[in-house]
Amino acid sequence: MEEIEKAFKKFVYTGVGILSTSTDKLKEVVENLVSDKKISKDEGQRIVDDFFSETETRKDEYETKIKSFVKKLTEKLKIAKGEEIEALTKRIQELERAVAEKLNK
């Protein structure tokens, strides 16, 4: 599980890095087009805004897909969820207490 988590984090960080680089490059290109008077400042702003809007939409789509993938993967690998582990821990503690009481009688 730990290896899957590490790989997943690397994947996410790589995506964030790519997006950050793309955003910076887009802004640079738009600024150059505006300074060269090939597009107006308003058009440039609209391009950047559209990019961010589209990126946000895609982020939500990918987030949903990734969550679905992780859920299927954890179910397939039969990995316990946090609340399942907590419930089992509590049950073990209760059983240990009951056994200790029986032994002390």
N, C-alpha and C. Protein backbone atom coordinates (compact mmCIF):
# COMPACT_ATOMS: atom_id res chain seq x y z
N MET A 1 0.83 -1.20 0.00
CA MET A 1 0.00 0.00 0.00
C MET A 1 0.86 1.25 0.00
N GLU A 2 1.94 1.23 0.78
CA GLU A 2 2.80 2.40 0.88
C GLU A 2 3.42 2.75 -0.47
N GLU A 3 3.80 1.72 -1.24
CA GLU A 3 4.39 1.96 -2.56
C GLU A 3 3.36 2.57 -3.51
N ILE A 4 2.12 2.11 -3.43
CA ILE A 4 1.05 2.65 -4.27
C ILE A 4 0.84 4.12 -3.91
N GLU A 5 0.84 4.40 -2.62
CA GLU A 5 0.64 5.79 -2.16
C GLU A 5 1.76 6.69 -2.65
N LYS A 6 3.01 6.22 -2.57
CA LYS A 6 4.15 7.01 -3.04
C LYS A 6 4.05 7.27 -4.54
N ALA A 7 3.71 6.22 -5.29
CA ALA A 7 3.57 6.37 -6.74
C ALA A 7 2.46 7.34 -7.09
N PHE A 8 1.35 7.25 -6.37
CA PHE A 8 0.22 8.15 -6.60
C PHE A 8 0.62 9.60 -6.32
N LYS A 9 1.35 9.82 -5.22
CA LYS A 9 1.79 11.19 -4.88
C LYS A 9 2.72 11.73 -5.96
N LYS A 10 3.63 10.90 -6.45
CA LYS A 10 4.53 11.34 -7.52
C LYS A 10 3.74 11.73 -8.76
N PHE A 11 2.72 10.93 -9.07
CA PHE A 11 1.87 11.21 -10.23
C PHE A 11 1.17 12.56 -10.06
N VAL A 12 0.61 12.80 -8.90
CA VAL A 12 -0.10 14.06 -8.63
C VAL A 12 0.87 15.23 -8.70
N TYR A 13 2.04 15.10 -8.05
CA TYR A 13 3.01 16.19 -8.05
C TYR A 13 3.52 16.48 -9.46
N THR A 14 3.68 15.44 -10.26
CA THR A 14 4.10 15.62 -11.64
C THR A 14 3.04 16.41 -12.41
N GLY A 15 1.79 16.05 -12.21
CA GLY A 15 0.69 16.77 -12.86
C GLY A 15 0.65 18.23 -12.46
N VAL A 16 0.85 18.50 -11.17
CA VAL A 16 0.85 19.88 -10.68
C VAL A 16 2.02 20.65 -11.31
N GLY A 17 3.17 20.00 -11.39
CA GLY A 17 4.34 20.64 -12.00
C GLY A 17 4.12 20.97 -13.46
N ILE A 18 3.53 20.04 -14.18
CA ILE A 18 3.24 20.27 -15.60
C ILE A 18 2.26 21.42 -15.76
N LEU A 19 1.21 21.42 -14.94
CA LEU A 19 0.21 22.48 -15.02
C LEU A 19 0.83 23.83 -14.70
N SER A 20 1.68 23.87 -13.69
CA SER A 20 2.32 25.12 -13.31
C SER A 20 3.20 25.65 -14.44
N THR A 21 3.95 24.76 -15.06
CA THR A 21 4.81 25.15 -16.17
C THR A 21 3.97 25.63 -17.35
N SER A 22 2.88 24.91 -17.63
CA SER A 22 1.99 25.30 -18.74
C SER A 22 1.38 26.66 -18.49
N THR A 23 0.97 26.90 -17.26
CA THR A 23 0.36 28.18 -16.90
C THR A 23 1.36 29.32 -17.09
N ASP A 24 2.57 29.11 -16.59
CA ASP A 24 3.61 30.14 -16.73
C ASP A 24 3.91 30.42 -18.20
N LYS A 25 4.01 29.36 -18.98
CA LYS A 25 4.32 29.52 -20.42
C LYS A 25 3.18 30.24 -21.14
N LEU A 26 1.94 29.87 -20.81
CA LEU A 26 0.78 30.53 -21.44
C LEU A 26 0.79 32.03 -21.12
N LYS A 27 1.00 32.36 -19.86
CA LYS A 27 1.03 33.78 -19.48
C LYS A 27 2.14 34.51 -20.23
N GLU A 28 3.29 33.88 -20.35
CA GLU A 28 4.41 34.50 -21.05
C GLU A 28 4.07 34.74 -22.53
N VAL A 29 3.48 33.74 -23.17
CA VAL A 29 3.11 33.86 -24.59
C VAL A 29 2.07 34.97 -24.77
N VAL A 30 1.06 35.00 -23.89
CA VAL A 30 0.01 36.01 -23.99
C VAL A 30 0.60 37.40 -23.77
N GLU A 31 1.49 37.54 -22.78
CA GLU A 31 2.13 38.84 -22.53
C GLU A 31 2.92 39.30 -23.75
N ASN A 32 3.60 38.37 -24.39
CA ASN A 32 4.36 38.71 -25.61
C ASN A 32 3.43 39.14 -26.74
N LEU A 33 2.32 38.44 -26.90
CA LEU A 33 1.36 38.81 -27.94
C LEU A 33 0.76 40.19 -27.68
N VAL A 34 0.49 40.47 -26.41
CA VAL A 34 -0.06 41.78 -26.04
C VAL A 34 0.99 42.86 -26.29
N SER A 35 2.23 42.63 -25.86
CA SER A 35 3.28 43.64 -26.03
C SER A 35 3.62 43.86 -27.51
N ASP A 36 3.46 42.80 -28.33
CA ASP A 36 3.69 42.93 -29.77
C ASP A 36 2.45 43.47 -30.49
N LYS A 37 1.41 43.77 -29.72
CA LYS A 37 0.15 44.31 -30.23
C LYS A 37 -0.53 43.39 -31.24
N LYS A 38 -0.34 42.10 -31.06
CA LYS A 38 -1.01 41.12 -31.91
C LYS A 38 -2.39 40.78 -31.37
N ILE A 39 -2.56 40.97 -30.08
CA ILE A 39 -3.88 40.84 -29.45
C ILE A 39 -4.01 41.94 -28.40
N SER A 40 -5.25 42.26 -28.07
CA SER A 40 -5.46 43.29 -27.05
C SER A 40 -5.26 42.69 -25.66
N LYS A 41 -5.12 43.58 -24.69
CA LYS A 41 -4.96 43.13 -23.32
C LYS A 41 -6.20 42.36 -22.86
N ASP A 42 -7.38 42.82 -23.28
CA ASP A 42 -8.62 42.13 -22.94
C ASP A 42 -8.67 40.72 -23.54
N GLU A 43 -8.24 40.61 -24.79
CA GLU A 43 -8.21 39.29 -25.43
C GLU A 43 -7.24 38.36 -24.70
N GLY A 44 -6.11 38.90 -24.33
CA GLY A 44 -5.12 38.12 -23.59
C GLY A 44 -5.67 37.64 -22.27
N GLN A 45 -6.36 38.55 -21.58
CA GLN A 45 -6.95 38.17 -20.29
C GLN A 45 -8.01 37.10 -20.48
N ARG A 46 -8.78 37.23 -21.55
CA ARG A 46 -9.83 36.24 -21.84
C ARG A 46 -9.20 34.86 -22.10
N ILE A 47 -8.09 34.83 -22.83
CA ILE A 47 -7.39 33.56 -23.11
C ILE A 47 -6.93 32.91 -21.81
N VAL A 48 -6.33 33.70 -20.95
CA VAL A 48 -5.85 33.18 -19.66
C VAL A 48 -7.02 32.71 -18.81
N ASP A 49 -8.08 33.50 -18.75
CA ASP A 49 -9.26 33.12 -17.96
C ASP A 49 -9.89 31.82 -18.48
N ASP A 50 -9.99 31.72 -19.81
CA ASP A 50 -10.55 30.49 -20.41
C ASP A 50 -9.69 29.28 -20.07
N PHE A 51 -8.38 29.48 -20.11
CA PHE A 51 -7.46 28.38 -19.78
C PHE A 51 -7.69 27.92 -18.34
N PHE A 52 -7.77 28.88 -17.41
CA PHE A 52 -7.98 28.52 -16.01
C PHE A 52 -9.34 27.86 -15.79
N SER A 53 -10.35 28.34 -16.48
CA SER A 53 -11.68 27.75 -16.37
C SER A 53 -11.67 26.31 -16.87
N GLU A 54 -11.07 26.10 -18.03
CA GLU A 54 -10.98 24.75 -18.61
C GLU A 54 -10.14 23.84 -17.72
N THR A 55 -9.06 24.37 -17.18
CA THR A 55 -8.20 23.59 -16.30
C THR A 55 -8.96 23.16 -15.05
N GLU A 56 -9.74 24.05 -14.49
CA GLU A 56 -10.53 23.73 -13.28
C GLU A 56 -11.54 22.62 -13.59
N THR A 57 -12.19 22.71 -14.73
CA THR A 57 -13.15 21.69 -15.14
C THR A 57 -12.47 20.34 -15.28
N ARG A 58 -11.34 20.34 -15.96
CA ARG A 58 -10.60 19.08 -16.16
C ARG A 58 -10.07 18.55 -14.84
N LYS A 59 -9.65 19.44 -13.96
CA LYS A 59 -9.15 19.00 -12.64
C LYS A 59 -10.23 18.24 -11.91
N ASP A 60 -11.44 18.77 -11.93
CA ASP A 60 -12.56 18.11 -11.27
C ASP A 60 -12.84 16.74 -11.89
N GLU A 61 -12.77 16.67 -13.22
CA GLU A 61 -12.99 15.40 -13.91
C GLU A 61 -11.92 14.38 -13.52
N TYR A 62 -10.66 14.79 -13.55
CA TYR A 62 -9.56 13.88 -13.22
C TYR A 62 -9.61 13.47 -11.75
N GLU A 63 -9.97 14.40 -10.89
CA GLU A 63 -10.08 14.09 -9.47
C GLU A 63 -11.13 13.00 -9.25
N THR A 64 -12.25 13.10 -9.92
CA THR A 64 -13.30 12.09 -9.82
C THR A 64 -12.80 10.75 -10.34
N LYS A 65 -12.11 10.77 -11.49
CA LYS A 65 -11.58 9.53 -12.06
C LYS A 65 -10.53 8.90 -11.15
N ILE A 66 -9.66 9.72 -10.58
CA ILE A 66 -8.61 9.21 -9.70
C ILE A 66 -9.21 8.60 -8.44
N LYS A 67 -10.20 9.28 -7.85
CA LYS A 67 -10.86 8.74 -6.66
C LYS A 67 -11.52 7.39 -6.97
N SER A 68 -12.15 7.30 -8.12
CA SER A 68 -12.79 6.05 -8.53
C SER A 68 -11.74 4.95 -8.70
N PHE A 69 -10.63 5.29 -9.34
CA PHE A 69 -9.56 4.33 -9.55
C PHE A 69 -9.00 3.83 -8.22
N VAL A 70 -8.72 4.76 -7.30
CA VAL A 70 -8.17 4.39 -6.00
C VAL A 70 -9.15 3.51 -5.23
N LYS A 71 -10.44 3.85 -5.30
CA LYS A 71 -11.45 3.05 -4.61
C LYS A 71 -11.48 1.62 -5.16
N LYS A 72 -11.48 1.50 -6.49
CA LYS A 72 -11.48 0.17 -7.11
C LYS A 72 -10.22 -0.60 -6.75
N LEU A 73 -9.08 0.10 -6.75
CA LEU A 73 -7.81 -0.54 -6.44
C LEU A 73 -7.79 -1.05 -5.00
N THR A 74 -8.22 -0.21 -4.07
CA THR A 74 -8.21 -0.64 -2.66
C THR A 74 -9.19 -1.79 -2.43
N GLU A 75 -10.31 -1.77 -3.14
CA GLU A 75 -11.26 -2.89 -3.02
C GLU A 75 -10.67 -4.16 -3.61
N LYS A 76 -10.01 -4.04 -4.74
CA LYS A 76 -9.42 -5.21 -5.40
C LYS A 76 -8.29 -5.79 -4.57
N LEU A 77 -7.48 -4.92 -3.97
CA LEU A 77 -6.36 -5.38 -3.14
C LEU A 77 -6.80 -5.72 -1.72
N LYS A 78 -8.08 -5.49 -1.44
CA LYS A 78 -8.65 -5.75 -0.11
C LYS A 78 -7.89 -5.00 0.98
N ILE A 79 -7.67 -3.74 0.74
CA ILE A 79 -6.99 -2.88 1.71
C ILE A 79 -8.02 -2.29 2.64
N ALA A 80 -7.76 -2.41 3.94
CA ALA A 80 -8.71 -1.91 4.93
C ALA A 80 -8.74 -0.39 4.93
N LYS A 81 -9.93 0.15 5.12
CA LYS A 81 -10.11 1.59 5.23
C LYS A 81 -9.79 2.01 6.66
N GLY A 82 -9.53 3.29 6.84
CA GLY A 82 -9.20 3.83 8.15
C GLY A 82 -10.24 3.50 9.20
N GLU A 83 -11.52 3.69 8.85
CA GLU A 83 -12.58 3.43 9.83
C GLU A 83 -12.68 1.94 10.16
N GLU A 84 -12.36 1.07 9.21
CA GLU A 84 -12.36 -0.37 9.47
C GLU A 84 -11.24 -0.74 10.45
N ILE A 85 -10.09 -0.14 10.25
CA ILE A 85 -8.96 -0.39 11.15
C ILE A 85 -9.28 0.11 12.55
N GLU A 86 -9.87 1.29 12.64
CA GLU A 86 -10.26 1.84 13.95
C GLU A 86 -11.27 0.94 14.65
N ALA A 87 -12.25 0.42 13.92
CA ALA A 87 -13.26 -0.46 14.50
C ALA A 87 -12.61 -1.75 15.00
N LEU A 88 -11.70 -2.30 14.22
CA LEU A 88 -11.01 -3.52 14.64
C LEU A 88 -10.11 -3.28 15.86
N THR A 89 -9.45 -2.14 15.88
CA THR A 89 -8.61 -1.79 17.02
C THR A 89 -9.46 -1.69 18.29
N LYS A 90 -10.60 -1.04 18.18
CA LYS A 90 -11.49 -0.91 19.33
C LYS A 90 -11.99 -2.28 19.78
N ARG A 91 -12.34 -3.11 18.83
CA ARG A 91 -12.82 -4.46 19.16
C ARG A 91 -11.73 -5.28 19.86
N ILE A 92 -10.50 -5.19 19.38
CA ILE A 92 -9.38 -5.91 20.01
C ILE A 92 -9.18 -5.42 21.44
N GLN A 93 -9.24 -4.10 21.63
CA GLN A 93 -9.08 -3.54 22.98
C GLN A 93 -10.16 -4.05 23.92
N GLU A 94 -11.39 -4.11 23.42
CA GLU A 94 -12.49 -4.61 24.24
C GLU A 94 -12.29 -6.09 24.58
N LEU A 95 -11.84 -6.87 23.61
CA LEU A 95 -11.59 -8.29 23.85
C LEU A 95 -10.43 -8.49 24.84
N GLU A 96 -9.39 -7.68 24.70
CA GLU A 96 -8.27 -7.76 25.64
C GLU A 96 -8.72 -7.44 27.06
N ARG A 97 -9.58 -6.42 27.19
CA ARG A 97 -10.12 -6.06 28.51
C ARG A 97 -10.94 -7.20 29.09
N ALA A 98 -11.77 -7.82 28.26
CA ALA A 98 -12.61 -8.93 28.71
C ALA A 98 -11.76 -10.12 29.14
N VAL A 99 -10.72 -10.43 28.36
CA VAL A 99 -9.84 -11.55 28.72
C VAL A 99 -9.10 -11.23 30.02
N ALA A 100 -8.61 -10.00 30.16
CA ALA A 100 -7.91 -9.60 31.39
C ALA A 100 -8.82 -9.73 32.59
N GLU A 101 -10.08 -9.34 32.47
CA GLU A 101 -11.06 -9.46 33.56
C GLU A 101 -11.28 -10.92 33.93
N LYS A 102 -11.40 -11.79 32.93
CA LYS A 102 -11.61 -13.22 33.17
C LYS A 102 -10.40 -13.82 33.88
N LEU A 103 -9.21 -13.42 33.47
CA LEU A 103 -7.99 -13.96 34.10
C LEU A 103 -7.78 -13.48 35.53
N ASN A 104 -8.27 -12.29 35.83
CA ASN A 104 -8.12 -11.71 37.16
C ASN A 104 -9.14 -12.22 38.16
N LYS A 105 -10.14 -12.94 37.71
CA LYS A 105 -11.19 -13.44 38.60
C LYS A 105 -10.77 -14.68 39.29
